[in-house]
């Protein structure tokens, strides 16, 4: 395995993931106040469909960026596997498999919203949504993400300051994420990890590529 190439690819993917997050934030902020592209908590059927039906172009732009984010974070997870599998292969393997599961759940969840947005753009009257399904998919996605980063965290090196910062962020993400199940007020904090973490992963993997 050419680790230099893997780490360079992971660094590039982390930058792309960060850009995708910014694009998602921009799309979300362009919506009227109170309208959510991807609600984090259950809403009524009428509220649930507002973004997809009344703002379909913005919604499709959001999920285009989110799809790019999914592709990118999966490559970052592969980079984490490459960095940790020699020291703790069982944990690294759990992290990689959970990361693939996360990406699959994320893609299916996105497809649900994209379908409604396409119907809204075409002027097609979509059936009433089973709005519990995307929340189930969302829970599975986030549970997979918590598992992914917790597994990589326990296998992660602890040598440099950047190692320790990333280790702390991964552990904090898993902890806050799990606590968010019991306290929904914490749900919005989960996305901040990726906003702050991806630039750090980009720097980290670039440093690793230069050291191999």
N, C-alpha and C. Protein backbone atom coordinates (compact mmCIF):
# COMPACT_ATOMS: atom_id res chain seq x y z
N UNK A 1 0.84 -1.20 0.00
CA UNK A 1 0.00 0.00 0.00
C UNK A 1 0.87 1.25 0.00
N UNK A 2 0.59 2.18 -0.88
CA UNK A 2 1.31 3.44 -0.94
C UNK A 2 0.66 4.42 0.04
N UNK A 3 1.20 4.47 1.26
CA UNK A 3 0.59 5.30 2.29
C UNK A 3 0.67 6.79 1.95
N UNK A 4 1.72 7.17 1.26
CA UNK A 4 1.83 8.58 0.88
C UNK A 4 0.64 8.99 0.01
N UNK A 5 0.31 8.15 -0.95
CA UNK A 5 -0.83 8.43 -1.81
C UNK A 5 -2.14 8.42 -1.02
N UNK A 6 -2.29 7.46 -0.11
CA UNK A 6 -3.50 7.37 0.70
C UNK A 6 -3.67 8.63 1.55
N UNK A 7 -2.61 9.07 2.19
CA UNK A 7 -2.71 10.24 3.06
C UNK A 7 -2.93 11.53 2.26
N UNK A 8 -2.32 11.62 1.09
CA UNK A 8 -2.59 12.78 0.24
C UNK A 8 -4.06 12.81 -0.19
N UNK A 9 -4.59 11.64 -0.55
CA UNK A 9 -5.99 11.55 -0.94
C UNK A 9 -6.91 11.91 0.21
N UNK A 10 -6.57 11.45 1.42
CA UNK A 10 -7.39 11.76 2.59
C UNK A 10 -7.35 13.25 2.91
N UNK A 11 -6.17 13.87 2.75
CA UNK A 11 -6.05 15.31 2.99
C UNK A 11 -6.91 16.09 2.00
N UNK A 12 -6.85 15.70 0.73
CA UNK A 12 -7.67 16.36 -0.28
C UNK A 12 -9.15 16.17 0.01
N UNK A 13 -9.53 14.95 0.39
CA UNK A 13 -10.94 14.66 0.68
C UNK A 13 -11.43 15.49 1.87
N UNK A 14 -10.57 15.70 2.87
CA UNK A 14 -10.96 16.50 4.02
C UNK A 14 -11.23 17.95 3.61
N UNK A 15 -10.42 18.48 2.69
CA UNK A 15 -10.65 19.84 2.19
C UNK A 15 -11.98 19.91 1.44
N UNK A 16 -12.22 18.91 0.58
CA UNK A 16 -13.48 18.87 -0.18
C UNK A 16 -14.67 18.76 0.77
N UNK A 17 -14.54 17.93 1.81
CA UNK A 17 -15.61 17.78 2.80
C UNK A 17 -15.92 19.11 3.48
N UNK A 18 -14.87 19.86 3.81
CA UNK A 18 -15.07 21.16 4.45
C UNK A 18 -15.80 22.12 3.51
N UNK A 19 -15.40 22.15 2.24
CA UNK A 19 -16.07 23.01 1.25
C UNK A 19 -17.54 22.60 1.12
N UNK A 20 -17.80 21.29 1.12
CA UNK A 20 -19.18 20.80 1.02
C UNK A 20 -20.01 21.24 2.21
N UNK A 21 -19.41 21.25 3.39
CA UNK A 21 -20.12 21.71 4.59
C UNK A 21 -20.50 23.18 4.45
N UNK A 22 -19.54 23.99 3.99
CA UNK A 22 -19.81 25.42 3.81
C UNK A 22 -20.95 25.63 2.82
N UNK A 23 -20.95 24.84 1.74
CA UNK A 23 -22.03 24.95 0.75
C UNK A 23 -23.38 24.58 1.37
N UNK A 24 -23.40 23.56 2.23
CA UNK A 24 -24.64 23.18 2.89
C UNK A 24 -25.13 24.29 3.83
N UNK A 25 -24.20 24.87 4.56
CA UNK A 25 -24.57 25.97 5.46
C UNK A 25 -25.14 27.14 4.67
N UNK A 26 -24.50 27.48 3.54
CA UNK A 26 -24.98 28.58 2.71
C UNK A 26 -26.39 28.30 2.19
N UNK A 27 -26.63 27.05 1.76
CA UNK A 27 -27.97 26.70 1.28
C UNK A 27 -29.00 26.81 2.39
N UNK A 28 -28.64 26.33 3.57
CA UNK A 28 -29.57 26.38 4.70
C UNK A 28 -29.91 27.81 5.09
N UNK A 29 -28.90 28.69 5.06
CA UNK A 29 -29.12 30.09 5.45
C UNK A 29 -29.92 30.87 4.42
N UNK A 30 -30.00 30.35 3.19
CA UNK A 30 -30.76 31.04 2.15
C UNK A 30 -32.26 30.75 2.23
N UNK A 31 -32.63 29.83 3.10
CA UNK A 31 -34.05 29.50 3.29
C UNK A 31 -34.70 30.48 4.26
N UNK A 32 -36.00 30.66 4.17
CA UNK A 32 -36.69 31.51 5.16
C UNK A 32 -36.50 30.97 6.58
N UNK A 33 -36.58 31.86 7.51
CA UNK A 33 -36.40 31.47 8.91
C UNK A 33 -37.42 30.40 9.31
N UNK A 34 -36.94 29.36 9.96
CA UNK A 34 -37.79 28.28 10.44
C UNK A 34 -37.95 27.13 9.47
N UNK A 35 -37.54 27.32 8.22
CA UNK A 35 -37.63 26.24 7.23
C UNK A 35 -36.34 25.42 7.28
N UNK A 36 -36.48 24.11 7.41
CA UNK A 36 -35.33 23.23 7.53
C UNK A 36 -35.26 22.27 6.35
N UNK A 37 -34.08 22.17 5.74
CA UNK A 37 -33.90 21.24 4.63
C UNK A 37 -33.95 19.80 5.14
N UNK A 38 -33.26 19.58 6.24
CA UNK A 38 -33.14 18.22 6.79
C UNK A 38 -33.41 18.31 8.29
N UNK A 39 -34.67 18.28 8.68
CA UNK A 39 -35.01 18.48 10.09
C UNK A 39 -34.31 17.47 11.01
N UNK A 40 -33.78 18.00 12.10
CA UNK A 40 -33.11 17.12 13.05
C UNK A 40 -34.04 16.48 14.05
N UNK A 41 -35.25 17.05 14.18
CA UNK A 41 -36.24 16.53 15.12
C UNK A 41 -37.58 16.42 14.39
N UNK A 42 -38.47 15.52 14.83
CA UNK A 42 -39.75 15.32 14.13
C UNK A 42 -40.58 16.59 14.02
N UNK A 43 -41.19 16.77 12.84
CA UNK A 43 -42.09 17.88 12.57
C UNK A 43 -43.40 17.34 12.04
N UNK A 44 -44.40 18.20 11.94
CA UNK A 44 -45.64 17.78 11.30
C UNK A 44 -45.39 17.55 9.82
N UNK A 45 -46.29 16.80 9.16
CA UNK A 45 -46.11 16.50 7.73
C UNK A 45 -46.02 17.76 6.89
N UNK A 46 -46.84 18.77 7.19
CA UNK A 46 -46.83 20.00 6.40
C UNK A 46 -45.50 20.75 6.58
N UNK A 47 -44.99 20.84 7.80
CA UNK A 47 -43.71 21.51 8.05
C UNK A 47 -42.56 20.73 7.42
N UNK A 48 -42.67 19.41 7.46
CA UNK A 48 -41.61 18.54 6.98
C UNK A 48 -41.34 18.75 5.49
N UNK A 49 -42.37 19.06 4.72
CA UNK A 49 -42.26 19.15 3.27
C UNK A 49 -41.99 20.55 2.74
N UNK A 50 -41.96 21.56 3.59
CA UNK A 50 -41.86 22.93 3.11
C UNK A 50 -40.62 23.15 2.25
N UNK A 51 -39.45 22.75 2.75
CA UNK A 51 -38.21 22.99 2.00
C UNK A 51 -38.22 22.24 0.67
N UNK A 52 -38.67 20.99 0.69
CA UNK A 52 -38.63 20.17 -0.52
C UNK A 52 -39.60 20.65 -1.58
N UNK A 53 -40.77 21.09 -1.17
CA UNK A 53 -41.80 21.46 -2.15
C UNK A 53 -41.76 22.94 -2.54
N UNK A 54 -41.54 23.82 -1.59
CA UNK A 54 -41.56 25.26 -1.86
C UNK A 54 -40.19 25.82 -2.21
N UNK A 55 -39.14 25.11 -1.86
CA UNK A 55 -37.77 25.58 -2.12
C UNK A 55 -36.94 24.41 -2.67
N UNK A 56 -37.45 23.79 -3.71
CA UNK A 56 -36.83 22.56 -4.22
C UNK A 56 -35.42 22.79 -4.77
N UNK A 57 -35.18 23.92 -5.42
CA UNK A 57 -33.86 24.16 -6.01
C UNK A 57 -32.80 24.27 -4.91
N UNK A 58 -33.13 24.98 -3.86
CA UNK A 58 -32.19 25.11 -2.74
C UNK A 58 -31.97 23.75 -2.09
N UNK A 59 -33.06 23.00 -1.93
CA UNK A 59 -32.96 21.69 -1.32
C UNK A 59 -32.06 20.76 -2.14
N UNK A 60 -32.23 20.78 -3.45
CA UNK A 60 -31.39 19.94 -4.30
C UNK A 60 -29.93 20.38 -4.26
N UNK A 61 -29.70 21.68 -4.19
CA UNK A 61 -28.33 22.17 -4.04
C UNK A 61 -27.71 21.71 -2.73
N UNK A 62 -28.52 21.76 -1.67
CA UNK A 62 -28.04 21.31 -0.36
C UNK A 62 -27.63 19.84 -0.42
N UNK A 63 -28.48 19.01 -1.01
CA UNK A 63 -28.19 17.58 -1.00
C UNK A 63 -27.13 17.19 -2.05
N UNK A 64 -26.95 18.03 -3.06
CA UNK A 64 -25.80 17.83 -3.93
C UNK A 64 -24.51 18.01 -3.15
N UNK A 65 -24.46 19.07 -2.35
CA UNK A 65 -23.29 19.30 -1.50
C UNK A 65 -23.15 18.21 -0.45
N UNK A 66 -24.27 17.75 0.09
CA UNK A 66 -24.22 16.72 1.12
C UNK A 66 -23.72 15.39 0.53
N UNK A 67 -24.10 15.10 -0.71
CA UNK A 67 -23.60 13.89 -1.35
C UNK A 67 -22.09 13.97 -1.54
N UNK A 68 -21.59 15.14 -1.93
CA UNK A 68 -20.14 15.34 -2.02
C UNK A 68 -19.48 15.16 -0.66
N UNK A 69 -20.16 15.61 0.39
CA UNK A 69 -19.64 15.45 1.75
C UNK A 69 -19.54 13.96 2.11
N UNK A 70 -20.56 13.19 1.77
CA UNK A 70 -20.54 11.76 2.07
C UNK A 70 -19.36 11.08 1.37
N UNK A 71 -19.20 11.36 0.09
CA UNK A 71 -18.08 10.77 -0.66
C UNK A 71 -16.74 11.13 -0.01
N UNK A 72 -16.63 12.37 0.43
CA UNK A 72 -15.37 12.85 0.98
C UNK A 72 -15.07 12.28 2.36
N UNK A 73 -16.08 12.25 3.24
CA UNK A 73 -15.78 11.75 4.59
C UNK A 73 -15.48 10.26 4.57
N UNK A 74 -16.02 9.54 3.60
CA UNK A 74 -15.69 8.12 3.50
C UNK A 74 -14.21 7.93 3.16
N UNK A 75 -13.65 8.80 2.31
CA UNK A 75 -12.22 8.74 2.00
C UNK A 75 -11.40 9.13 3.23
N UNK A 76 -11.87 10.10 4.00
CA UNK A 76 -11.19 10.47 5.24
C UNK A 76 -11.16 9.27 6.20
N UNK A 77 -12.29 8.56 6.31
CA UNK A 77 -12.33 7.38 7.16
C UNK A 77 -11.33 6.32 6.68
N UNK A 78 -11.19 6.18 5.36
CA UNK A 78 -10.22 5.24 4.82
C UNK A 78 -8.80 5.66 5.21
N UNK A 79 -8.56 6.97 5.22
CA UNK A 79 -7.27 7.46 5.67
C UNK A 79 -7.02 7.16 7.14
N UNK A 80 -8.05 7.30 7.96
CA UNK A 80 -7.92 6.96 9.38
C UNK A 80 -7.63 5.47 9.55
N UNK A 81 -8.26 4.65 8.72
CA UNK A 81 -7.97 3.22 8.78
C UNK A 81 -6.51 2.94 8.44
N UNK A 82 -6.02 3.59 7.39
CA UNK A 82 -4.63 3.39 6.99
C UNK A 82 -3.66 3.83 8.09
N UNK A 83 -4.04 4.86 8.83
CA UNK A 83 -3.17 5.38 9.90
C UNK A 83 -3.19 4.51 11.14
N UNK A 84 -4.28 3.79 11.39
CA UNK A 84 -4.43 3.09 12.67
C UNK A 84 -4.39 1.57 12.59
N UNK A 85 -4.51 0.99 11.40
CA UNK A 85 -4.70 -0.47 11.35
C UNK A 85 -3.48 -1.26 11.79
N UNK A 86 -2.28 -0.68 11.67
CA UNK A 86 -1.08 -1.42 12.10
C UNK A 86 -0.98 -1.49 13.61
N UNK A 87 -1.43 -0.45 14.30
CA UNK A 87 -1.35 -0.42 15.77
C UNK A 87 -2.50 -1.15 16.42
N UNK A 88 -3.69 -1.08 15.84
CA UNK A 88 -4.88 -1.67 16.49
C UNK A 88 -5.86 -2.09 15.40
N UNK A 89 -5.53 -3.17 14.70
CA UNK A 89 -6.32 -3.58 13.55
C UNK A 89 -7.80 -3.84 13.88
N UNK A 90 -8.15 -4.51 15.00
CA UNK A 90 -9.58 -4.75 15.28
C UNK A 90 -10.38 -3.46 15.40
N UNK A 91 -9.83 -2.48 16.11
CA UNK A 91 -10.54 -1.21 16.27
C UNK A 91 -10.62 -0.47 14.93
N UNK A 92 -9.53 -0.48 14.19
CA UNK A 92 -9.51 0.19 12.88
C UNK A 92 -10.53 -0.43 11.94
N UNK A 93 -10.66 -1.75 11.99
CA UNK A 93 -11.62 -2.43 11.12
C UNK A 93 -13.05 -2.08 11.51
N UNK A 94 -13.32 -2.02 12.82
CA UNK A 94 -14.64 -1.59 13.29
C UNK A 94 -14.93 -0.17 12.78
N UNK A 95 -13.93 0.71 12.88
CA UNK A 95 -14.12 2.08 12.43
C UNK A 95 -14.42 2.16 10.94
N UNK A 96 -13.69 1.40 10.14
CA UNK A 96 -13.91 1.44 8.69
C UNK A 96 -15.28 0.88 8.31
N UNK A 97 -15.65 -0.26 8.88
CA UNK A 97 -16.94 -0.86 8.56
C UNK A 97 -18.09 0.03 9.02
N UNK A 98 -17.96 0.62 10.22
CA UNK A 98 -18.99 1.54 10.71
C UNK A 98 -19.06 2.78 9.82
N UNK A 99 -17.91 3.22 9.30
CA UNK A 99 -17.90 4.37 8.41
C UNK A 99 -18.62 4.10 7.09
N UNK A 100 -18.42 2.90 6.56
CA UNK A 100 -19.13 2.51 5.33
C UNK A 100 -20.63 2.44 5.59
N UNK A 101 -21.01 1.87 6.74
CA UNK A 101 -22.42 1.82 7.11
C UNK A 101 -23.01 3.22 7.23
N UNK A 102 -22.25 4.14 7.84
CA UNK A 102 -22.70 5.52 7.98
C UNK A 102 -22.97 6.15 6.63
N UNK A 103 -22.05 5.97 5.70
CA UNK A 103 -22.20 6.55 4.37
C UNK A 103 -23.42 5.97 3.65
N UNK A 104 -23.67 4.68 3.82
CA UNK A 104 -24.84 4.06 3.20
C UNK A 104 -26.14 4.63 3.77
N UNK A 105 -26.22 4.73 5.10
CA UNK A 105 -27.42 5.29 5.72
C UNK A 105 -27.60 6.76 5.32
N UNK A 106 -26.52 7.49 5.25
CA UNK A 106 -26.57 8.90 4.87
C UNK A 106 -27.10 9.04 3.43
N UNK A 107 -26.63 8.18 2.55
CA UNK A 107 -27.05 8.24 1.15
C UNK A 107 -28.53 7.90 1.00
N UNK A 108 -28.99 6.88 1.71
CA UNK A 108 -30.41 6.51 1.65
C UNK A 108 -31.27 7.63 2.23
N UNK A 109 -30.84 8.20 3.34
CA UNK A 109 -31.58 9.31 3.95
C UNK A 109 -31.66 10.49 2.97
N UNK A 110 -30.54 10.82 2.33
CA UNK A 110 -30.54 11.92 1.36
C UNK A 110 -31.50 11.64 0.21
N UNK A 111 -31.49 10.37 -0.25
CA UNK A 111 -32.36 10.01 -1.36
C UNK A 111 -33.82 10.25 -1.07
N UNK A 112 -34.21 10.08 0.18
CA UNK A 112 -35.60 10.31 0.59
C UNK A 112 -35.98 11.78 0.35
N UNK A 113 -35.12 12.69 0.81
CA UNK A 113 -35.41 14.11 0.66
C UNK A 113 -35.28 14.55 -0.80
N UNK A 114 -34.30 14.01 -1.51
CA UNK A 114 -34.10 14.37 -2.91
C UNK A 114 -35.33 14.00 -3.74
N UNK A 115 -35.91 12.84 -3.44
CA UNK A 115 -37.11 12.41 -4.19
C UNK A 115 -38.24 13.41 -4.03
N UNK A 116 -38.48 13.87 -2.82
CA UNK A 116 -39.53 14.86 -2.59
C UNK A 116 -39.20 16.20 -3.25
N UNK A 117 -37.92 16.58 -3.23
CA UNK A 117 -37.54 17.84 -3.87
C UNK A 117 -37.72 17.77 -5.39
N UNK A 118 -37.40 16.64 -5.99
CA UNK A 118 -37.59 16.47 -7.43
C UNK A 118 -39.08 16.52 -7.79
N UNK A 119 -39.89 15.92 -6.93
CA UNK A 119 -41.34 15.97 -7.15
C UNK A 119 -41.84 17.41 -7.04
N UNK A 120 -41.32 18.14 -6.05
CA UNK A 120 -41.73 19.53 -5.89
C UNK A 120 -41.32 20.38 -7.07
N UNK A 121 -40.13 20.17 -7.61
CA UNK A 121 -39.68 20.96 -8.75
C UNK A 121 -40.51 20.65 -10.01
N UNK A 122 -40.92 19.39 -10.14
CA UNK A 122 -41.72 18.98 -11.30
C UNK A 122 -43.20 19.33 -11.15
N UNK A 123 -43.58 19.83 -9.99
CA UNK A 123 -44.98 20.15 -9.76
C UNK A 123 -45.85 18.94 -9.52
N UNK A 124 -45.23 17.84 -9.15
CA UNK A 124 -45.96 16.60 -8.89
C UNK A 124 -46.41 16.58 -7.43
N UNK A 125 -47.65 16.21 -7.22
CA UNK A 125 -48.14 16.09 -5.84
C UNK A 125 -47.61 14.80 -5.25
N UNK A 126 -46.70 14.94 -4.31
CA UNK A 126 -46.08 13.76 -3.69
C UNK A 126 -47.00 13.20 -2.62
N UNK A 127 -46.91 11.90 -2.36
CA UNK A 127 -47.71 11.31 -1.28
C UNK A 127 -47.28 11.85 0.08
N UNK A 128 -48.17 11.79 1.02
CA UNK A 128 -47.83 12.23 2.38
C UNK A 128 -46.62 11.46 2.87
N UNK A 129 -45.65 12.15 3.45
CA UNK A 129 -44.41 11.47 3.83
C UNK A 129 -44.56 10.59 5.06
N UNK A 130 -43.85 9.49 5.04
CA UNK A 130 -43.65 8.71 6.26
C UNK A 130 -42.46 9.35 6.97
N UNK A 131 -42.74 10.46 7.67
CA UNK A 131 -41.63 11.27 8.15
C UNK A 131 -40.84 10.61 9.29
N UNK A 132 -41.32 9.46 9.80
CA UNK A 132 -40.52 8.77 10.80
C UNK A 132 -39.35 8.02 10.16
N UNK A 133 -39.49 7.64 8.87
CA UNK A 133 -38.44 6.89 8.21
C UNK A 133 -37.12 7.65 8.14
N UNK A 134 -37.11 8.91 7.67
CA UNK A 134 -35.82 9.61 7.62
C UNK A 134 -35.20 9.83 9.00
N UNK A 135 -36.03 9.93 10.04
CA UNK A 135 -35.46 10.07 11.38
C UNK A 135 -34.85 8.75 11.85
N UNK A 136 -35.44 7.63 11.45
CA UNK A 136 -34.83 6.33 11.75
C UNK A 136 -33.50 6.20 11.01
N UNK A 137 -33.51 6.56 9.71
CA UNK A 137 -32.27 6.50 8.94
C UNK A 137 -31.22 7.46 9.51
N UNK A 138 -31.70 8.63 9.93
CA UNK A 138 -30.78 9.61 10.52
C UNK A 138 -30.15 9.09 11.79
N UNK A 139 -30.96 8.43 12.62
CA UNK A 139 -30.41 7.86 13.86
C UNK A 139 -29.36 6.80 13.55
N UNK A 140 -29.65 5.93 12.60
CA UNK A 140 -28.68 4.90 12.22
C UNK A 140 -27.40 5.52 11.67
N UNK A 141 -27.56 6.57 10.88
CA UNK A 141 -26.40 7.29 10.34
C UNK A 141 -25.52 7.84 11.45
N UNK A 142 -26.15 8.55 12.38
CA UNK A 142 -25.36 9.16 13.45
C UNK A 142 -24.78 8.12 14.39
N UNK A 143 -25.51 7.05 14.67
CA UNK A 143 -24.97 5.98 15.51
C UNK A 143 -23.74 5.36 14.84
N UNK A 144 -23.81 5.20 13.52
CA UNK A 144 -22.65 4.69 12.79
C UNK A 144 -21.48 5.65 12.87
N UNK A 145 -21.75 6.95 12.77
CA UNK A 145 -20.69 7.95 12.86
C UNK A 145 -20.05 7.97 14.24
N UNK A 146 -20.87 7.86 15.28
CA UNK A 146 -20.32 7.82 16.64
C UNK A 146 -19.40 6.60 16.80
N UNK A 147 -19.86 5.46 16.30
CA UNK A 147 -19.06 4.24 16.40
C UNK A 147 -17.76 4.38 15.62
N UNK A 148 -17.85 4.95 14.43
CA UNK A 148 -16.68 5.12 13.58
C UNK A 148 -15.59 5.91 14.28
N UNK A 149 -15.93 7.08 14.78
CA UNK A 149 -14.92 7.95 15.34
C UNK A 149 -14.48 7.52 16.73
N UNK A 150 -15.36 6.84 17.46
CA UNK A 150 -14.94 6.29 18.76
C UNK A 150 -13.91 5.17 18.54
N UNK A 151 -14.18 4.30 17.55
CA UNK A 151 -13.25 3.20 17.27
C UNK A 151 -11.90 3.72 16.79
N UNK A 152 -11.92 4.72 15.90
CA UNK A 152 -10.66 5.28 15.43
C UNK A 152 -9.94 6.02 16.55
N UNK A 153 -10.70 6.64 17.45
CA UNK A 153 -10.09 7.39 18.54
C UNK A 153 -9.29 6.48 19.47
N UNK A 154 -9.86 5.33 19.82
CA UNK A 154 -9.15 4.45 20.77
C UNK A 154 -7.92 3.82 20.12
N UNK A 155 -7.85 3.84 18.78
CA UNK A 155 -6.69 3.30 18.07
C UNK A 155 -5.72 4.38 17.62
N UNK A 156 -6.06 5.65 17.86
CA UNK A 156 -5.30 6.76 17.28
C UNK A 156 -4.00 7.02 18.03
N UNK A 157 -2.94 7.42 17.31
CA UNK A 157 -1.67 7.77 17.99
C UNK A 157 -1.85 8.92 18.97
N UNK A 158 -0.95 8.99 19.93
CA UNK A 158 -1.02 10.04 20.96
C UNK A 158 0.35 10.68 21.14
N UNK A 159 1.00 11.01 20.04
CA UNK A 159 2.39 11.47 20.11
C UNK A 159 2.51 12.98 20.03
N UNK A 160 1.88 13.59 19.04
CA UNK A 160 2.01 15.04 18.85
C UNK A 160 0.79 15.77 19.41
N UNK A 161 0.91 17.09 19.45
CA UNK A 161 -0.21 17.91 19.93
C UNK A 161 -1.42 17.74 19.00
N UNK A 162 -1.18 17.70 17.69
CA UNK A 162 -2.28 17.54 16.75
C UNK A 162 -2.94 16.17 16.91
N UNK A 163 -2.13 15.14 17.18
CA UNK A 163 -2.69 13.82 17.49
C UNK A 163 -3.70 13.92 18.63
N UNK A 164 -3.27 14.59 19.69
CA UNK A 164 -4.10 14.66 20.89
C UNK A 164 -5.35 15.51 20.68
N UNK A 165 -5.21 16.57 19.88
CA UNK A 165 -6.39 17.41 19.58
C UNK A 165 -7.42 16.60 18.80
N UNK A 166 -6.96 15.89 17.76
CA UNK A 166 -7.89 15.09 16.96
C UNK A 166 -8.48 13.95 17.78
N UNK A 167 -7.67 13.34 18.61
CA UNK A 167 -8.17 12.28 19.50
C UNK A 167 -9.28 12.83 20.40
N UNK A 168 -9.02 14.00 21.00
CA UNK A 168 -10.03 14.60 21.87
C UNK A 168 -11.30 14.96 21.13
N UNK A 169 -11.17 15.48 19.91
CA UNK A 169 -12.35 15.83 19.12
C UNK A 169 -13.18 14.60 18.78
N UNK A 170 -12.51 13.50 18.41
CA UNK A 170 -13.24 12.28 18.05
C UNK A 170 -13.97 11.71 19.26
N UNK A 171 -13.31 11.71 20.41
CA UNK A 171 -13.97 11.20 21.62
C UNK A 171 -15.12 12.12 22.04
N UNK A 172 -14.89 13.43 21.92
CA UNK A 172 -15.94 14.38 22.30
C UNK A 172 -17.14 14.26 21.38
N UNK A 173 -16.89 14.05 20.10
CA UNK A 173 -17.98 13.88 19.14
C UNK A 173 -18.85 12.69 19.52
N UNK A 174 -18.21 11.57 19.83
CA UNK A 174 -18.96 10.37 20.20
C UNK A 174 -19.74 10.60 21.50
N UNK A 175 -19.11 11.24 22.47
CA UNK A 175 -19.76 11.47 23.77
C UNK A 175 -20.94 12.42 23.63
N UNK A 176 -20.73 13.57 22.98
CA UNK A 176 -21.81 14.55 22.82
C UNK A 176 -22.92 13.96 21.96
N UNK A 177 -22.54 13.17 20.96
CA UNK A 177 -23.54 12.55 20.10
C UNK A 177 -24.46 11.62 20.85
N UNK A 178 -23.87 10.79 21.70
CA UNK A 178 -24.68 9.86 22.49
C UNK A 178 -25.55 10.62 23.49
N UNK A 179 -24.98 11.64 24.12
CA UNK A 179 -25.76 12.44 25.07
C UNK A 179 -26.91 13.16 24.36
N UNK A 180 -26.72 13.47 23.07
CA UNK A 180 -27.77 14.13 22.31
C UNK A 180 -29.01 13.30 22.13
N UNK A 181 -28.87 11.97 22.26
CA UNK A 181 -30.05 11.11 22.19
C UNK A 181 -30.96 11.39 23.38
N UNK A 182 -30.35 11.56 24.54
CA UNK A 182 -31.12 11.84 25.75
C UNK A 182 -31.49 13.31 25.88
N UNK A 183 -30.65 14.18 25.31
CA UNK A 183 -30.90 15.63 25.41
C UNK A 183 -30.85 16.23 24.01
N UNK A 184 -31.99 16.31 23.31
CA UNK A 184 -32.01 16.80 21.92
C UNK A 184 -31.43 18.19 21.73
N UNK A 185 -31.29 18.97 22.80
CA UNK A 185 -30.69 20.30 22.67
C UNK A 185 -29.25 20.23 22.18
N UNK A 186 -28.62 19.07 22.34
CA UNK A 186 -27.23 18.90 21.93
C UNK A 186 -27.09 18.46 20.48
N UNK A 187 -28.21 18.17 19.83
CA UNK A 187 -28.16 17.60 18.47
C UNK A 187 -27.41 18.51 17.50
N UNK A 188 -27.64 19.80 17.57
CA UNK A 188 -27.02 20.72 16.62
C UNK A 188 -25.50 20.80 16.77
N UNK A 189 -24.98 20.38 17.92
CA UNK A 189 -23.53 20.43 18.14
C UNK A 189 -22.78 19.39 17.33
N UNK A 190 -23.49 18.33 16.90
CA UNK A 190 -22.80 17.25 16.20
C UNK A 190 -22.14 17.72 14.91
N UNK A 191 -22.82 18.60 14.20
CA UNK A 191 -22.26 19.07 12.93
C UNK A 191 -21.03 19.95 13.10
N UNK A 192 -20.89 20.58 14.28
CA UNK A 192 -19.75 21.46 14.49
C UNK A 192 -18.43 20.68 14.49
N UNK A 193 -18.49 19.40 14.87
CA UNK A 193 -17.27 18.60 14.86
C UNK A 193 -16.68 18.55 13.45
N UNK A 194 -17.52 18.28 12.46
CA UNK A 194 -17.03 18.16 11.09
C UNK A 194 -16.57 19.51 10.55
N UNK A 195 -17.26 20.58 10.93
CA UNK A 195 -16.87 21.91 10.48
C UNK A 195 -15.47 22.27 10.98
N UNK A 196 -15.20 21.94 12.24
CA UNK A 196 -13.88 22.24 12.79
C UNK A 196 -12.87 21.14 12.57
N UNK A 197 -13.36 19.89 12.47
CA UNK A 197 -12.45 18.75 12.38
C UNK A 197 -11.86 18.53 11.01
N UNK A 198 -12.61 18.80 9.94
CA UNK A 198 -12.11 18.50 8.60
C UNK A 198 -10.85 19.29 8.24
N UNK A 199 -10.78 20.60 8.53
CA UNK A 199 -9.52 21.29 8.25
C UNK A 199 -8.34 20.69 9.03
N UNK A 200 -8.58 20.26 10.26
CA UNK A 200 -7.51 19.64 11.04
C UNK A 200 -7.10 18.30 10.45
N UNK A 201 -8.07 17.52 9.99
CA UNK A 201 -7.74 16.26 9.33
C UNK A 201 -6.94 16.52 8.06
N UNK A 202 -7.27 17.58 7.33
CA UNK A 202 -6.53 17.90 6.11
C UNK A 202 -5.06 18.18 6.43
N UNK A 203 -4.83 18.99 7.47
CA UNK A 203 -3.46 19.30 7.89
C UNK A 203 -2.76 18.03 8.36
N UNK A 204 -3.46 17.23 9.14
CA UNK A 204 -2.86 16.02 9.70
C UNK A 204 -2.43 15.05 8.59
N UNK A 205 -3.32 14.77 7.66
CA UNK A 205 -3.00 13.80 6.62
C UNK A 205 -1.93 14.34 5.68
N UNK A 206 -1.90 15.65 5.44
CA UNK A 206 -0.85 16.20 4.62
C UNK A 206 0.51 16.03 5.31
N UNK A 207 0.54 16.26 6.63
CA UNK A 207 1.78 16.04 7.38
C UNK A 207 2.19 14.57 7.31
N UNK A 208 1.23 13.67 7.43
CA UNK A 208 1.54 12.25 7.36
C UNK A 208 2.10 11.88 5.99
N UNK A 209 1.56 12.46 4.94
CA UNK A 209 2.03 12.14 3.58
C UNK A 209 3.47 12.60 3.37
N UNK A 210 3.85 13.69 4.01
CA UNK A 210 5.22 14.19 3.88
C UNK A 210 6.21 13.42 4.73
N UNK A 211 5.65 12.70 5.74
CA UNK A 211 6.54 11.96 6.63
C UNK A 211 6.73 10.51 6.23
N UNK A 212 6.00 10.02 5.20
CA UNK A 212 6.13 8.63 4.79
C UNK A 212 7.16 8.46 3.69
